[in-house]
Amino acid sequence: MIVMTPLALAATVLVGIVTGSVTIPAYELWKVISGEGDAAYHTIFWDLRLPRVLVGLVTGACLAASGALLQGVMRNPLADPGIIGVTAGGGLAAVIALVLFPQHAVLLPAFAFGGALLSSLTIYLLAWDGSSSPVKIVLAGVAMNALLGAIMNGIMVLNSDRIQNVIPWLSGSLSGRSWPHLVFMIPYAAVGLMLTPFVARVANMLVLGDQLSRSLGVRVELQRFLIIVLSSLLAGAAVSVAGLIGFVGLIVPHAMRLVVGGNYYILLPFSIVGGAILTVLADTAARSLFDPLELPAGILLACMGVPFFLYLLKRKREVR
C-alpha cells in the first residue's frame, strides 16, 4: 500500500495532464517537459493542464484532510465539511467577495477562510451547553448549512447581473484554474496541511470519547475547537479556488479508514493523497467524457458521493 499510493498519485497526474479535448502523446509530453516540442502542446501543458492538475491535487488534499479531522472529533463517519456547514460558510464569504467586492478578488482565500471559520465558531457556540456534544455540533451544522445556502441564493437573486462567473464556481469546478489560482491558495493550504500531523495524537484520543480522553489528560473542548479551526482553514483554502466541491471529505477518509485503519498518524497522510487522486480523476473525467462540453467536477463528485452517503447512513442504522 505504501508503494502503490505514490505510484497511483503519479499515474493520476499523468492521466490528468495528457487527457482532454486534445490528447498529448507521450513522446510529445517528454519533448514539452524538456523544453522542445510543438508550441500548441507546450501551451496546453504549461498554461492549462499542469496548473489545473496541481490545483486539483491541493483542493482534494485539503478537503480530505478536513473531512478526516471532522470525522474524528465528531466521532461520526458521516461528518464532512460540506455537510455540517463549514464549506457553506466559506462559500458564502466567497460569493460575497465575488459578487459584491470583485475588486478584492485577490483576497478570496482569506474571505473563504474567514467565512468557514466564522461558520465553525457559530456552529460551535450553537452546540455549546456546558460542553460541545459531537451530535449537537452535527445538528447545528446541518441547520447552518441550510441557512447559509439560503443567504447565498438571496445574494445571487438580488445581484443577478453579476453572477455569471459565480455559477460554475458554485457547482465546484476547476475549469480555467491556472497558476495565479494555485498561488492564491498555496499559503493557506500549506499551513493547514503542515499542521495536520501535529493533531494526529489528539485526534486518536478524541475518537475514544470525551470521558476517556479527559482521563488521558486531553483538554477536550479546547482541542476539539482547535481541530475544527484547522478543518475550517483547510476547507476554506479549497473552497476559495475550486468552489463548492463536496463529498471528497466524506468519501476518502471513510474509504481510507477501511483500508489502513483508524490511526490518524497513518489515516491523515493516506487521506490527503487519496483526496488529491479522487479530485483530479473526477476533474479529468468531467472534462473528457462529455467533450466538447465540460461538466463541473463537483457535479460528478456529488453523483458519486450521495449514494455513498446514503450507504453509510443505512449501514450505520443497521449496526445500531
Protein backbone atom coordinates (compact mmCIF):
# COMPACT_ATOMS: atom_id res chain seq x y z
CA MET A 1 0.00 0.00 0.00
CA ILE A 2 2.82 2.40 0.87
CA VAL A 3 4.46 1.72 -2.52
CA MET A 4 1.24 1.74 -4.52
CA THR A 5 -0.01 5.11 -3.23
CA PRO A 6 2.76 7.30 -4.74
CA LEU A 7 2.51 5.32 -7.97
CA ALA A 8 -1.25 5.89 -8.09
CA LEU A 9 -0.70 9.61 -7.45
CA ALA A 10 1.89 9.84 -10.24
CA ALA A 11 -0.37 7.94 -12.64
CA THR A 12 -3.27 10.25 -11.79
CA VAL A 13 -1.18 13.34 -12.52
CA LEU A 14 -0.06 11.84 -15.82
CA VAL A 15 -3.61 10.97 -16.87
CA GLY A 16 -4.83 14.43 -15.89
CA ILE A 17 -2.13 16.11 -17.97
CA VAL A 18 -2.40 14.06 -21.18
CA THR A 19 -6.19 13.57 -21.25
CA GLY A 20 -8.68 16.11 -22.51
CA SER A 21 -10.24 17.52 -25.65
CA VAL A 22 -6.69 17.45 -27.05
CA THR A 23 -4.66 14.39 -26.10
CA ILE A 24 -0.95 14.93 -25.58
CA PRO A 25 1.02 11.91 -26.89
CA ALA A 26 3.69 10.52 -24.57
CA TYR A 27 6.55 11.41 -26.88
CA GLU A 28 5.27 14.99 -27.22
CA LEU A 29 4.89 15.27 -23.45
CA TRP A 30 8.54 14.40 -22.96
CA LYS A 31 9.57 16.95 -25.57
CA VAL A 32 7.48 19.67 -23.92
CA ILE A 33 8.94 18.93 -20.48
CA SER A 34 12.46 19.06 -21.92
CA GLY A 35 11.73 22.47 -23.48
CA GLU A 36 11.16 21.33 -27.03
CA GLY A 37 8.16 20.08 -28.97
CA ASP A 38 5.12 21.68 -30.56
CA ALA A 39 4.15 25.16 -29.36
CA ALA A 40 0.47 24.18 -29.03
CA TYR A 41 1.30 21.24 -26.77
CA HIS A 42 3.65 23.50 -24.81
CA THR A 43 0.80 25.94 -24.15
CA ILE A 44 -1.66 23.18 -23.23
CA PHE A 45 0.80 21.58 -20.81
CA TRP A 46 2.28 24.61 -19.05
CA ASP A 47 -0.61 27.06 -19.15
CA LEU A 48 -3.70 24.83 -18.96
CA ARG A 49 -3.24 21.26 -17.80
CA LEU A 50 -0.39 21.36 -15.27
CA PRO A 51 -1.70 24.22 -13.09
CA ARG A 52 -5.21 22.78 -13.22
CA VAL A 53 -4.00 19.36 -12.07
CA LEU A 54 -1.94 20.93 -9.28
CA VAL A 55 -4.95 22.96 -8.09
CA GLY A 56 -6.97 19.74 -8.11
CA LEU A 57 -4.33 17.94 -6.07
CA VAL A 58 -4.21 20.68 -3.42
CA THR A 59 -8.01 21.02 -3.33
CA GLY A 60 -8.57 17.31 -2.86
CA ALA A 61 -5.85 17.05 -0.24
CA CYS A 62 -7.35 19.90 1.81
CA LEU A 63 -10.91 18.59 1.62
CA ALA A 64 -9.93 15.04 2.55
CA ALA A 65 -7.79 16.18 5.48
CA SER A 66 -10.60 18.43 6.70
CA GLY A 67 -13.11 15.61 6.46
CA ALA A 68 -10.86 13.13 8.25
CA LEU A 69 -10.32 15.53 11.14
CA LEU A 70 -14.01 16.37 11.44
CA GLN A 71 -14.99 12.70 11.40
CA GLY A 72 -12.55 12.13 14.25
CA VAL A 73 -13.58 14.97 16.53
CA MET A 74 -17.28 14.34 15.84
CA ARG A 75 -16.83 10.56 16.17
CA ASN A 76 -19.14 10.31 13.17
CA PRO A 77 -18.22 8.80 9.76
CA LEU A 78 -20.93 10.96 8.16
CA ALA A 79 -19.21 14.23 9.13
CA ASP A 80 -17.92 16.28 6.22
CA PRO A 81 -17.05 19.97 5.78
CA GLY A 82 -19.80 20.27 3.18
CA ILE A 83 -22.49 18.51 5.17
CA ILE A 84 -22.05 20.26 8.53
CA GLY A 85 -21.83 23.83 7.21
CA VAL A 86 -18.10 24.60 7.19
CA THR A 87 -17.88 24.70 3.40
CA ALA A 88 -21.10 26.71 3.18
CA GLY A 89 -19.58 29.40 5.39
CA GLY A 90 -16.55 29.66 3.16
CA GLY A 91 -18.79 29.56 0.11
CA LEU A 92 -20.99 32.40 1.34
CA ALA A 93 -17.97 34.58 2.10
CA ALA A 94 -16.51 33.81 -1.32
CA VAL A 95 -19.80 34.66 -3.05
CA ILE A 96 -19.89 37.97 -1.18
CA ALA A 97 -16.35 38.69 -2.36
CA LEU A 98 -17.05 37.68 -5.97
CA VAL A 99 -20.41 39.46 -6.29
CA LEU A 100 -20.15 42.49 -4.03
CA PHE A 101 -16.39 43.15 -3.88
CA PRO A 102 -14.90 41.85 -7.15
CA GLN A 103 -12.10 44.40 -6.88
CA HIS A 104 -10.76 42.43 -3.90
CA ALA A 105 -10.73 39.03 -5.65
CA VAL A 106 -7.07 38.62 -4.71
CA LEU A 107 -8.22 38.20 -1.11
CA LEU A 108 -10.68 35.42 -2.00
CA PRO A 109 -8.86 32.70 0.03
CA ALA A 110 -8.86 34.99 3.07
CA PHE A 111 -12.58 35.65 2.61
CA ALA A 112 -13.29 31.92 2.28
CA PHE A 113 -11.25 31.00 5.35
CA GLY A 114 -12.87 33.78 7.36
CA GLY A 115 -16.32 32.58 6.33
CA ALA A 116 -15.52 28.95 7.11
CA LEU A 117 -14.06 29.91 10.48
CA LEU A 118 -16.99 32.16 11.38
CA SER A 119 -19.41 29.42 10.41
CA SER A 120 -17.48 26.92 12.54
CA LEU A 121 -17.48 29.25 15.55
CA THR A 122 -21.21 29.86 15.19
CA ILE A 123 -21.90 26.14 14.95
CA TYR A 124 -19.72 25.51 17.99
CA LEU A 125 -21.48 28.20 20.04
CA LEU A 126 -24.93 26.97 19.00
CA ALA A 127 -23.99 23.45 20.11
CA TRP A 128 -22.41 24.61 23.37
CA ASP A 129 -24.33 23.72 26.51
CA GLY A 130 -21.64 23.43 29.13
CA SER A 131 -19.85 21.09 26.73
CA SER A 132 -19.72 20.53 22.98
CA SER A 133 -21.50 17.29 22.13
CA PRO A 134 -20.49 15.97 18.67
CA VAL A 135 -24.14 15.16 17.94
CA LYS A 136 -25.19 18.73 18.72
CA ILE A 137 -22.39 20.10 16.55
CA VAL A 138 -23.50 18.00 13.59
CA LEU A 139 -27.16 19.04 14.03
CA ALA A 140 -26.21 22.71 14.39
CA GLY A 141 -24.01 22.36 11.31
CA VAL A 142 -26.82 20.95 9.20
CA ALA A 143 -29.06 23.85 10.23
CA MET A 144 -26.33 26.40 9.46
CA ASN A 145 -25.73 24.75 6.11
CA ALA A 146 -29.37 25.35 5.16
CA LEU A 147 -29.34 28.95 6.43
CA LEU A 148 -26.10 29.92 4.71
CA GLY A 149 -27.29 28.32 1.48
CA ALA A 150 -30.45 30.42 1.60
CA ILE A 151 -28.45 33.62 2.20
CA MET A 152 -26.14 32.72 -0.68
CA ASN A 153 -29.10 32.24 -3.01
CA GLY A 154 -30.62 35.52 -1.83
CA ILE A 155 -27.45 37.45 -2.64
CA MET A 156 -27.37 35.97 -6.13
CA VAL A 157 -31.04 36.75 -6.77
CA LEU A 158 -30.54 40.38 -5.70
CA ASN A 159 -27.41 40.65 -7.87
CA SER A 160 -28.46 38.57 -10.85
CA ASP A 161 -26.49 40.75 -13.24
CA ARG A 162 -23.18 39.81 -11.57
CA ILE A 163 -23.44 36.07 -11.05
CA GLN A 164 -22.26 34.71 -14.40
CA ASN A 165 -18.81 33.97 -13.02
CA VAL A 166 -20.22 32.59 -9.79
CA ILE A 167 -22.49 29.85 -11.16
CA PRO A 168 -19.70 27.47 -12.33
CA TRP A 169 -17.90 28.12 -9.05
CA LEU A 170 -20.99 27.12 -7.05
CA SER A 171 -21.03 23.77 -8.84
CA GLY A 172 -17.43 23.11 -7.87
CA SER A 173 -15.34 23.48 -10.99
CA LEU A 174 -11.64 23.56 -11.79
CA SER A 175 -12.28 24.98 -15.24
CA GLY A 176 -9.92 27.83 -16.07
CA ARG A 177 -7.82 27.34 -12.96
CA SER A 178 -4.25 28.44 -13.60
CA TRP A 179 -1.03 29.47 -11.87
CA PRO A 180 -2.49 32.57 -10.13
CA HIS A 181 -5.20 30.41 -8.52
CA LEU A 182 -2.56 27.99 -7.26
CA VAL A 183 -0.54 30.87 -5.84
CA PHE A 184 -3.71 32.21 -4.11
CA MET A 185 -4.42 29.00 -2.22
CA ILE A 186 -0.94 27.59 -1.57
CA PRO A 187 -0.10 29.65 1.57
CA TYR A 188 -3.35 28.69 3.30
CA ALA A 189 -3.27 25.07 2.15
CA ALA A 190 0.41 24.65 3.04
CA VAL A 191 -0.10 25.93 6.58
CA GLY A 192 -3.15 23.72 7.09
CA LEU A 193 -1.59 20.56 5.68
CA MET A 194 1.65 21.05 7.60
CA LEU A 195 -0.28 21.35 10.87
CA THR A 196 -2.25 18.12 10.39
CA PRO A 197 0.49 15.76 11.70
CA PHE A 198 0.59 17.71 14.96
CA VAL A 199 -3.06 16.96 15.75
CA ALA A 200 -2.94 13.25 14.93
CA ARG A 201 -2.28 12.24 18.54
CA VAL A 202 -5.17 14.31 19.89
CA ALA A 203 -7.49 13.08 17.13
CA ASN A 204 -6.67 9.49 18.07
CA MET A 205 -7.67 10.23 21.66
CA LEU A 206 -10.85 12.15 20.84
CA VAL A 207 -12.10 9.17 18.86
CA LEU A 208 -12.11 7.22 22.14
CA GLY A 209 -14.75 9.53 23.64
CA ASP A 210 -14.71 12.66 25.78
CA GLN A 211 -14.59 10.94 29.15
CA LEU A 212 -11.69 8.65 28.33
CA SER A 213 -9.85 11.49 26.57
CA ARG A 214 -10.12 13.64 29.70
CA SER A 215 -8.77 10.81 31.81
CA LEU A 216 -5.75 10.72 29.48
CA GLY A 217 -5.09 14.42 30.10
CA VAL A 218 -6.65 15.87 26.94
CA ARG A 219 -8.36 19.26 27.24
CA VAL A 220 -11.25 18.02 25.14
CA GLU A 221 -13.14 21.26 24.45
CA LEU A 222 -10.04 23.25 23.58
CA GLN A 223 -8.55 20.55 21.35
CA ARG A 224 -11.84 19.92 19.58
CA PHE A 225 -12.17 23.65 18.92
CA LEU A 226 -8.61 23.93 17.56
CA ILE A 227 -9.10 20.95 15.25
CA ILE A 228 -12.35 22.46 13.94
CA VAL A 229 -10.45 25.71 13.25
CA LEU A 230 -7.79 23.75 11.36
CA SER A 231 -10.50 21.96 9.39
CA SER A 232 -12.01 25.35 8.54
CA LEU A 233 -8.67 26.60 7.24
CA LEU A 234 -8.31 23.54 5.00
CA ALA A 235 -11.89 23.75 3.72
CA GLY A 236 -11.61 27.49 3.16
CA ALA A 237 -8.42 27.10 1.13
CA ALA A 238 -10.13 24.55 -1.13
CA VAL A 239 -13.41 26.47 -1.49
CA SER A 240 -11.68 29.74 -2.33
CA VAL A 241 -10.40 28.40 -5.64
CA ALA A 242 -12.36 25.28 -6.52
CA GLY A 243 -15.80 26.34 -5.35
CA LEU A 244 -18.30 24.12 -3.56
CA ILE A 245 -16.82 20.72 -4.30
CA GLY A 246 -18.48 18.30 -1.94
CA PHE A 247 -18.17 14.75 -0.66
CA VAL A 248 -14.40 14.40 -1.04
CA GLY A 249 -14.11 14.89 2.71
CA LEU A 250 -16.76 12.22 3.23
CA ILE A 251 -15.75 9.51 0.77
CA VAL A 252 -11.98 9.49 1.03
CA PRO A 253 -11.38 9.37 4.82
CA HIS A 254 -14.00 6.67 5.26
CA ALA A 255 -12.56 4.58 2.42
CA MET A 256 -9.02 5.02 3.73
CA ARG A 257 -10.17 4.06 7.23
CA LEU A 258 -11.40 0.73 5.85
CA VAL A 259 -8.02 0.14 4.18
CA VAL A 260 -5.40 1.44 6.65
CA GLY A 261 -7.36 1.61 9.91
CA GLY A 262 -8.25 4.49 12.19
CA ASN A 263 -4.81 5.52 13.43
CA TYR A 264 -4.57 9.19 12.46
CA TYR A 265 -0.81 9.05 12.07
CA ILE A 266 -1.48 6.79 9.08
CA LEU A 267 -5.02 7.81 8.14
CA LEU A 268 -4.25 11.51 7.60
CA PRO A 269 -1.44 11.14 5.02
CA PHE A 270 -3.33 8.43 3.13
CA SER A 271 -6.49 10.56 3.14
CA ILE A 272 -4.55 13.56 1.84
CA VAL A 273 -3.15 11.55 -1.06
CA GLY A 274 -6.48 9.81 -1.69
CA GLY A 275 -8.34 13.11 -1.78
CA ALA A 276 -5.85 14.51 -4.28
CA ILE A 277 -6.22 11.45 -6.50
CA LEU A 278 -10.04 11.42 -6.40
CA THR A 279 -10.38 15.14 -7.18
CA VAL A 280 -8.00 15.06 -10.15
CA LEU A 281 -9.61 11.90 -11.55
CA ALA A 282 -13.09 13.42 -11.18
CA ASP A 283 -12.00 16.64 -12.89
CA THR A 284 -10.30 14.70 -15.69
CA ALA A 285 -13.40 12.60 -16.26
CA ALA A 286 -15.71 15.62 -16.07
CA ARG A 287 -13.81 17.48 -18.79
CA SER A 288 -13.14 14.46 -21.01
CA LEU A 289 -16.23 12.25 -21.01
CA PHE A 290 -18.63 14.97 -22.15
CA ASP A 291 -16.43 16.65 -24.77
CA PRO A 292 -16.99 19.24 -26.22
CA LEU A 293 -18.95 20.19 -23.09
CA GLU A 294 -17.24 20.39 -19.72
CA LEU A 295 -19.07 19.20 -16.62
CA PRO A 296 -18.04 20.73 -13.27
CA ALA A 297 -16.15 18.20 -11.18
CA GLY A 298 -18.39 18.96 -8.21
CA ILE A 299 -21.42 17.57 -10.05
CA LEU A 300 -19.65 14.30 -10.83
CA LEU A 301 -18.42 14.00 -7.24
CA ALA A 302 -21.94 14.65 -5.93
CA CYS A 303 -23.28 11.87 -8.14
CA MET A 304 -20.71 9.57 -6.54
CA GLY A 305 -20.95 10.99 -3.03
CA VAL A 306 -24.71 10.99 -2.45
CA PRO A 307 -25.11 7.21 -2.94
CA PHE A 308 -22.05 6.66 -0.75
CA PHE A 309 -23.51 8.91 1.95
CA LEU A 310 -26.83 7.04 1.87
CA TYR A 311 -24.97 3.74 2.06
CA LEU A 312 -23.08 4.91 5.15
CA LEU A 313 -26.30 6.16 6.72
CA LYS A 314 -28.09 2.86 6.10
CA ARG A 315 -25.10 0.84 7.27
CA LYS A 316 -24.89 2.88 10.48
CA ARG A 317 -28.57 2.32 11.21
CA GLU A 318 -28.20 -1.43 10.68
CA VAL A 319 -25.28 -1.56 13.10
CA ARG A 320 -27.37 0.19 15.72
